[in-house]
Protein backbone atom coordinates (compact mmCIF):
# COMPACT_ATOMS: atom_id res chain seq x y z
CA MET A 1 139.19 35.74 90.11
CA VAL A 2 139.53 39.34 89.09
CA PHE A 3 142.81 40.95 89.73
CA PRO A 4 143.30 44.72 90.29
CA ASP A 5 144.56 46.78 87.38
CA VAL A 6 146.22 49.40 89.60
CA ARG A 7 148.59 48.46 92.38
CA PRO A 8 149.74 51.37 94.59
CA ARG A 9 151.33 48.78 96.92
CA ARG A 10 154.24 48.60 94.41
CA LEU A 11 155.61 51.79 95.75
CA ARG A 12 155.35 50.61 99.38
CA ARG A 13 157.39 47.48 98.92
CA THR A 14 160.70 48.62 100.31
CA PRO A 15 161.91 51.34 102.73
CA ALA A 16 163.80 52.96 99.81
CA LEU A 17 160.69 53.15 97.69
CA ARG A 18 158.56 54.51 100.46
CA ARG A 19 161.25 57.17 101.13
CA LEU A 20 161.42 58.01 97.35
CA VAL A 21 157.68 58.69 97.03
CA GLY A 22 157.20 60.27 100.53
CA GLU A 23 154.97 63.37 100.36
CA THR A 24 155.60 64.96 103.72
CA ASP A 25 159.04 65.48 105.28
CA LEU A 26 159.77 66.09 108.90
CA ASP A 27 163.19 67.58 109.83
CA PRO A 28 164.67 69.00 113.01
CA ARG A 29 164.75 72.47 111.44
CA HIS A 30 160.95 72.47 111.45
CA LEU A 31 160.78 72.04 115.28
CA VAL A 32 160.86 74.68 117.92
CA LEU A 33 161.37 73.66 121.64
CA PRO A 34 159.31 75.61 124.23
CA LEU A 35 161.36 76.24 127.37
CA PHE A 36 160.28 77.42 130.83
CA VAL A 37 162.53 79.40 133.17
CA ARG A 38 161.78 80.04 136.78
CA GLU A 39 162.99 83.09 138.59
CA GLY A 40 165.11 82.16 141.62
CA ALA A 41 165.31 78.44 140.72
CA THR A 42 168.53 76.81 141.88
CA GLU A 43 167.77 73.44 140.09
CA PRO A 44 165.32 72.39 137.48
CA VAL A 45 161.83 71.82 138.70
CA PRO A 46 159.95 68.84 137.14
CA ILE A 47 156.47 69.52 135.90
CA GLY A 48 154.33 66.63 137.12
CA SER A 49 151.64 66.54 134.33
CA MET A 50 154.37 66.84 131.54
CA PRO A 51 156.84 63.95 132.07
CA GLY A 52 160.34 64.97 130.98
CA VAL A 53 159.61 68.70 130.96
CA VAL A 54 160.98 71.07 133.60
CA GLN A 55 161.07 74.66 134.72
CA HIS A 56 164.66 75.62 134.15
CA THR A 57 167.12 77.70 136.12
CA ARG A 58 168.91 80.39 134.17
CA GLU A 59 171.98 78.19 133.89
CA THR A 60 170.17 75.02 132.81
CA LEU A 61 168.17 77.11 130.31
CA LYS A 62 171.36 78.11 128.51
CA LYS A 63 172.40 74.38 128.42
CA ALA A 64 169.04 73.48 126.95
CA ALA A 65 169.37 76.19 124.27
CA SER A 66 172.78 74.87 123.43
CA GLU A 67 171.40 71.35 123.08
CA ALA A 68 168.70 72.63 120.83
CA LEU A 69 171.38 74.29 118.63
CA ALA A 70 173.43 71.06 118.48
CA SER A 71 170.36 69.07 117.57
CA GLY A 72 169.60 71.19 114.51
CA LEU A 73 166.29 72.58 115.88
CA GLY A 74 164.69 75.64 114.28
CA GLY A 75 164.51 77.60 117.43
CA VAL A 76 163.42 77.87 121.07
CA MET A 77 160.35 79.62 122.59
CA LEU A 78 160.91 81.19 126.01
CA PHE A 79 158.43 81.42 128.81
CA GLY A 80 159.22 83.24 132.10
CA ILE A 81 157.82 82.40 135.56
CA PRO A 82 158.32 85.27 137.99
CA ALA A 83 158.80 85.05 141.72
CA GLU A 84 156.07 87.65 142.19
CA LYS A 85 152.92 88.63 140.26
CA ASP A 86 150.68 91.72 140.41
CA PRO A 87 147.47 92.91 138.75
CA LEU A 88 149.42 94.61 135.91
CA GLY A 89 152.00 91.95 135.23
CA SER A 90 154.83 94.40 135.87
CA GLY A 91 157.45 91.75 135.60
CA ALA A 92 156.74 91.42 131.91
CA THR A 93 158.00 94.85 131.03
CA ASP A 94 160.74 95.02 133.61
CA PRO A 95 164.16 94.90 131.78
CA HIS A 96 165.36 92.86 134.81
CA GLY A 97 162.32 90.58 134.80
CA ILE A 98 162.93 86.86 134.41
CA LEU A 99 161.89 86.51 130.80
CA ASN A 100 163.91 89.51 129.61
CA LEU A 101 167.02 88.32 131.41
CA ALA A 102 166.42 84.77 129.94
CA ILE A 103 166.21 86.16 126.46
CA THR A 104 169.67 87.94 126.99
CA ASP A 105 171.13 84.73 128.55
CA VAL A 106 170.03 82.51 125.62
CA VAL A 107 171.02 85.03 122.92
CA ALA A 108 174.46 85.35 124.47
CA GLU A 109 174.68 81.51 124.44
CA VAL A 110 173.62 80.71 120.93
CA GLY A 111 173.95 84.08 119.11
CA ASP A 112 172.44 84.10 115.60
CA GLN A 113 172.87 80.28 115.15
CA LEU A 114 169.52 79.54 116.70
CA THR A 115 166.31 81.53 116.44
CA VAL A 116 165.27 82.83 119.80
CA MET A 117 161.47 83.51 120.32
CA SER A 118 159.65 84.71 123.40
CA ASP A 119 156.03 84.52 124.50
CA LEU A 120 154.52 87.97 124.72
CA CYS A 121 151.64 87.71 127.05
CA LEU A 122 150.66 88.74 130.57
CA ASP A 123 149.18 85.64 131.87
CA GLU A 124 152.42 84.33 133.53
CA PHE A 125 152.87 87.69 135.24
CA THR A 126 149.44 88.69 136.48
CA ASP A 127 148.07 87.54 139.87
CA HIS A 128 144.68 86.98 138.23
CA GLY A 129 146.12 84.84 135.45
CA HIS A 130 144.51 86.65 132.49
CA CYS A 131 146.31 87.73 129.40
CA GLY A 132 145.64 91.34 129.87
CA VAL A 133 144.89 94.24 132.20
CA LEU A 134 141.48 94.09 133.89
CA ASP A 135 138.88 96.94 134.05
CA PRO A 136 136.95 97.73 137.24
CA ASP A 137 134.38 95.14 136.33
CA GLY A 138 136.98 92.31 136.09
CA ASN A 139 136.95 92.08 132.24
CA VAL A 140 140.03 92.14 130.12
CA ASP A 141 140.51 95.72 128.81
CA ASN A 142 141.69 95.20 125.25
CA ASP A 143 143.14 98.64 124.46
CA ARG A 144 144.83 99.18 127.83
CA THR A 145 146.35 95.75 127.30
CA LEU A 146 147.72 96.75 123.95
CA GLU A 147 149.76 99.53 125.55
CA VAL A 148 151.37 96.97 127.91
CA TYR A 149 152.02 94.61 125.03
CA ALA A 150 153.81 97.34 123.09
CA GLU A 151 155.97 98.11 126.07
CA MET A 152 156.67 94.36 126.57
CA ALA A 153 157.69 93.96 122.91
CA VAL A 154 160.19 96.73 123.13
CA ALA A 155 161.71 95.19 126.32
CA GLN A 156 162.06 91.82 124.63
CA ALA A 157 163.45 93.29 121.50
CA ALA A 158 166.02 95.25 123.53
CA ALA A 159 166.99 91.97 125.25
CA GLY A 160 167.88 90.62 121.83
CA VAL A 161 164.99 88.29 120.84
CA ASP A 162 164.57 87.41 117.11
CA LEU A 163 160.80 87.01 117.18
CA VAL A 164 158.21 88.28 119.75
CA SER A 165 155.23 86.04 119.96
CA PRO A 166 151.96 87.78 121.04
CA SER A 167 149.59 85.07 122.38
CA GLY A 168 146.93 87.03 124.23
CA MET A 169 144.42 87.23 121.34
CA MET A 170 143.85 90.94 121.85
CA ASP A 171 142.28 92.78 118.86
CA GLY A 172 144.96 94.88 117.20
CA GLN A 173 147.84 93.41 119.08
CA VAL A 174 150.05 92.84 115.99
CA ALA A 175 149.62 96.40 114.75
CA ALA A 176 150.32 97.89 118.22
CA ILE A 177 153.45 95.77 118.66
CA ARG A 178 154.70 96.42 115.08
CA ARG A 179 154.28 100.16 115.57
CA ALA A 180 156.08 100.13 118.94
CA LEU A 181 158.94 98.10 117.61
CA ASP A 182 159.48 100.33 114.63
CA GLU A 183 159.25 103.51 116.66
CA ALA A 184 161.93 102.12 119.02
CA GLU A 185 164.09 101.29 116.01
CA HIS A 186 163.68 97.51 116.33
CA GLN A 187 162.58 97.10 112.79
CA GLY A 188 164.49 93.88 112.51
CA THR A 189 162.60 92.14 115.30
CA GLY A 190 159.93 89.86 113.84
CA ILE A 191 156.45 88.93 114.97
CA LEU A 192 155.26 85.34 115.26
CA ALA A 193 151.55 85.87 115.99
CA TYR A 194 149.34 83.38 117.87
CA SER A 195 146.63 84.19 115.35
CA ALA A 196 144.13 81.29 115.75
CA LYS A 197 144.31 80.45 119.36
CA TYR A 198 141.34 78.53 120.70
CA ALA A 199 139.86 78.32 124.18
CA SER A 200 140.91 74.70 124.53
CA ALA A 201 140.67 72.04 127.17
CA PHE A 202 144.21 70.84 126.14
CA TYR A 203 146.16 73.62 127.90
CA GLY A 204 145.81 72.11 131.32
CA PRO A 205 149.39 70.89 131.93
CA PHE A 206 150.80 74.19 130.61
CA ARG A 207 149.04 75.95 133.43
CA GLU A 208 151.03 73.90 135.89
CA ALA A 209 154.17 74.65 133.87
CA VAL A 210 153.83 78.36 134.32
CA ASP A 211 152.19 78.28 137.79
CA SER A 212 149.05 79.90 136.43
CA SER A 213 146.96 82.00 138.66
CA LEU A 214 143.96 81.94 136.31
CA GLN A 215 140.64 82.88 137.78
CA GLY A 216 137.71 82.04 135.44
CA ASP A 217 138.36 81.29 131.79
CA ARG A 218 139.53 83.03 128.63
CA ARG A 219 136.56 82.49 126.42
CA THR A 220 135.91 86.22 125.91
CA TYR A 221 139.14 86.56 124.02
CA GLN A 222 140.24 83.11 122.73
CA GLN A 223 138.27 81.49 119.92
CA GLN A 224 135.49 79.02 120.05
CA PRO A 225 136.63 75.51 119.22
CA GLY A 226 133.90 75.04 116.59
CA ASN A 227 134.90 78.10 114.47
CA ARG A 228 137.17 77.43 111.56
CA ARG A 229 136.39 80.43 109.32
CA GLU A 230 137.08 82.73 112.29
CA GLY A 231 140.60 81.24 112.61
CA VAL A 232 141.30 82.02 109.02
CA ARG A 233 140.02 85.61 109.51
CA GLU A 234 142.22 86.13 112.50
CA ALA A 235 145.26 85.04 110.65
CA LEU A 236 144.49 87.34 107.67
CA ILE A 237 144.01 90.30 110.02
CA ASP A 238 147.38 89.59 111.64
CA VAL A 239 149.10 89.43 108.29
CA ALA A 240 147.54 92.68 107.35
CA GLU A 241 148.82 94.22 110.62
CA GLY A 242 152.43 93.12 110.01
CA ALA A 243 152.76 89.55 111.35
CA ASP A 244 155.80 87.70 109.79
CA ILE A 245 154.59 84.30 110.86
CA VAL A 246 151.07 83.20 112.00
CA MET A 247 150.29 80.27 114.27
CA VAL A 248 147.41 77.93 115.05
CA LYS A 249 147.06 76.58 118.59
CA PRO A 250 146.37 73.79 119.50
CA ALA A 251 147.65 71.71 116.57
CA LEU A 252 146.27 68.15 116.59
CA GLY A 253 142.70 69.10 117.37
CA TYR A 254 142.74 71.87 114.79
CA LEU A 255 144.47 70.40 111.71
CA ASP A 256 141.56 71.55 109.50
CA VAL A 257 142.06 75.12 110.68
CA LEU A 258 145.84 74.77 110.11
CA SER A 259 145.17 73.53 106.53
CA ALA A 260 142.78 76.42 105.91
CA VAL A 261 145.16 79.03 107.28
CA ARG A 262 148.04 77.54 105.18
CA ALA A 263 145.87 77.89 102.07
CA ALA A 264 144.89 81.51 103.00
CA VAL A 265 148.22 83.21 103.75
CA GLU A 266 151.55 83.59 102.06
CA VAL A 267 153.70 84.00 105.20
CA PRO A 268 155.11 80.91 107.05
CA VAL A 269 152.60 79.08 109.28
CA ALA A 270 153.38 77.58 112.71
CA ALA A 271 151.38 75.23 114.91
CA TYR A 272 151.66 74.55 118.56
CA ASN A 273 151.56 70.90 119.65
CA VAL A 274 150.32 71.86 123.17
CA SER A 275 150.87 70.42 126.56
CA GLY A 276 147.58 68.33 126.68
CA GLU A 277 148.42 66.73 123.39
CA TYR A 278 151.92 65.92 124.66
CA SER A 279 150.63 64.58 127.95
CA MET A 280 147.98 62.41 126.44
CA ILE A 281 150.53 60.49 124.25
CA GLU A 282 152.94 60.24 127.18
CA ALA A 283 150.21 58.86 129.47
CA ALA A 284 148.99 56.29 126.92
CA ALA A 285 152.54 55.18 126.24
CA ALA A 286 153.22 54.87 129.95
CA ASN A 287 150.31 52.58 130.20
CA GLY A 288 151.44 50.46 127.30
CA TRP A 289 148.49 51.38 125.18
CA ILE A 290 150.46 52.79 122.29
CA ASP A 291 154.04 52.59 120.90
CA ARG A 292 155.49 55.84 122.07
CA GLU A 293 158.30 56.81 119.52
CA PRO A 294 156.21 56.00 116.38
CA ALA A 295 153.31 57.90 117.95
CA ILE A 296 155.34 60.97 118.47
CA LEU A 297 156.62 60.99 114.90
CA GLU A 298 153.22 60.27 113.50
CA ALA A 299 151.61 63.13 115.51
CA LEU A 300 154.31 65.66 114.35
CA THR A 301 154.05 64.42 110.72
CA SER A 302 150.35 64.92 110.76
CA ILE A 303 150.96 68.61 111.76
CA ARG A 304 153.39 68.98 108.92
CA ARG A 305 151.01 67.32 106.49
CA ALA A 306 148.27 69.71 107.39
CA GLY A 307 150.46 72.59 106.43
CA ALA A 308 152.69 73.65 109.30
CA ASP A 309 156.12 75.04 108.29
CA ILE A 310 157.01 75.35 111.98
CA ILE A 311 155.99 73.07 114.82
CA LEU A 312 156.34 74.09 118.53
CA THR A 313 156.59 70.81 120.41
CA TYR A 314 157.95 69.60 123.78
CA TRP A 315 159.24 66.57 121.90
CA ALA A 316 161.55 68.66 119.69
CA LEU A 317 164.83 67.39 121.07
CA GLU A 318 163.72 63.75 121.11
CA ALA A 319 162.12 63.93 117.74
CA ALA A 320 165.34 65.35 116.33
CA SER A 321 167.21 62.40 117.70
CA LEU A 322 164.64 59.98 116.35
CA LEU A 323 164.79 61.53 112.87
CA ARG A 324 168.63 61.32 112.82
CA ARG A 325 168.40 57.70 113.82
């Protein structure tokens, strides 16, 4: 019998050895918790397709932010759900709109101890559900939308947010936002850009989470799932326009894009472990098909391994608890 000369298994023999030679770490500071706040809500509203996730009231949102801080998370990402929508998404720029009020609430609750981020897009606020203003033919008008994004960024910065997060995939959005922030003397407000955001089938549960009114699809502005080089190009454009952090969305289906973006840029890279990815694992675990907790940590570790410095995930609080354990 011929025995192997090289035995990698020696370094897998004990938990201590495996920990010693581990290549990828996952820590609560790497995780960001997305949070939804619903205007007028008097109690949290469960999201049916996302077990364990709710639309918060303003009060429960503050409690969730405090819990994120206590758990050692890297930050929270806020999404607002207005009581009323219109074609222009007016609630997004209103200083008294639900998202801007939520930013002020959370910043007052956690101060500088937790990074507060806010989604900068019109899809939650428009009655047609698109990420921008429509032209007379029903198409998203890129440049008119940039004007609204600039106003929205200034409103969020005035509310106290640390990072605005443009997610609409409009050409020139980072440059327009950076210019507006600087002109309004919000030079310290950073930009986390959704740079490589794909027209994915994995956003379905999120649309329930934000009561989406989407008519049609977003394929004219979000990227084709088969395009990796384009994702890198979009990230490089955003860095050149002033993005402080770039993001790939979704995460698990686009780990190759994430790795390529990480290799191409020098700024921090985030990835969004989106609603459909979350709900698939939750559904499989509920049916007894997979072991839930190890699957959560394996999924998040794979995103870190591919190059993410920051992971947005609905499991952030639970994962932090599992990691401490």
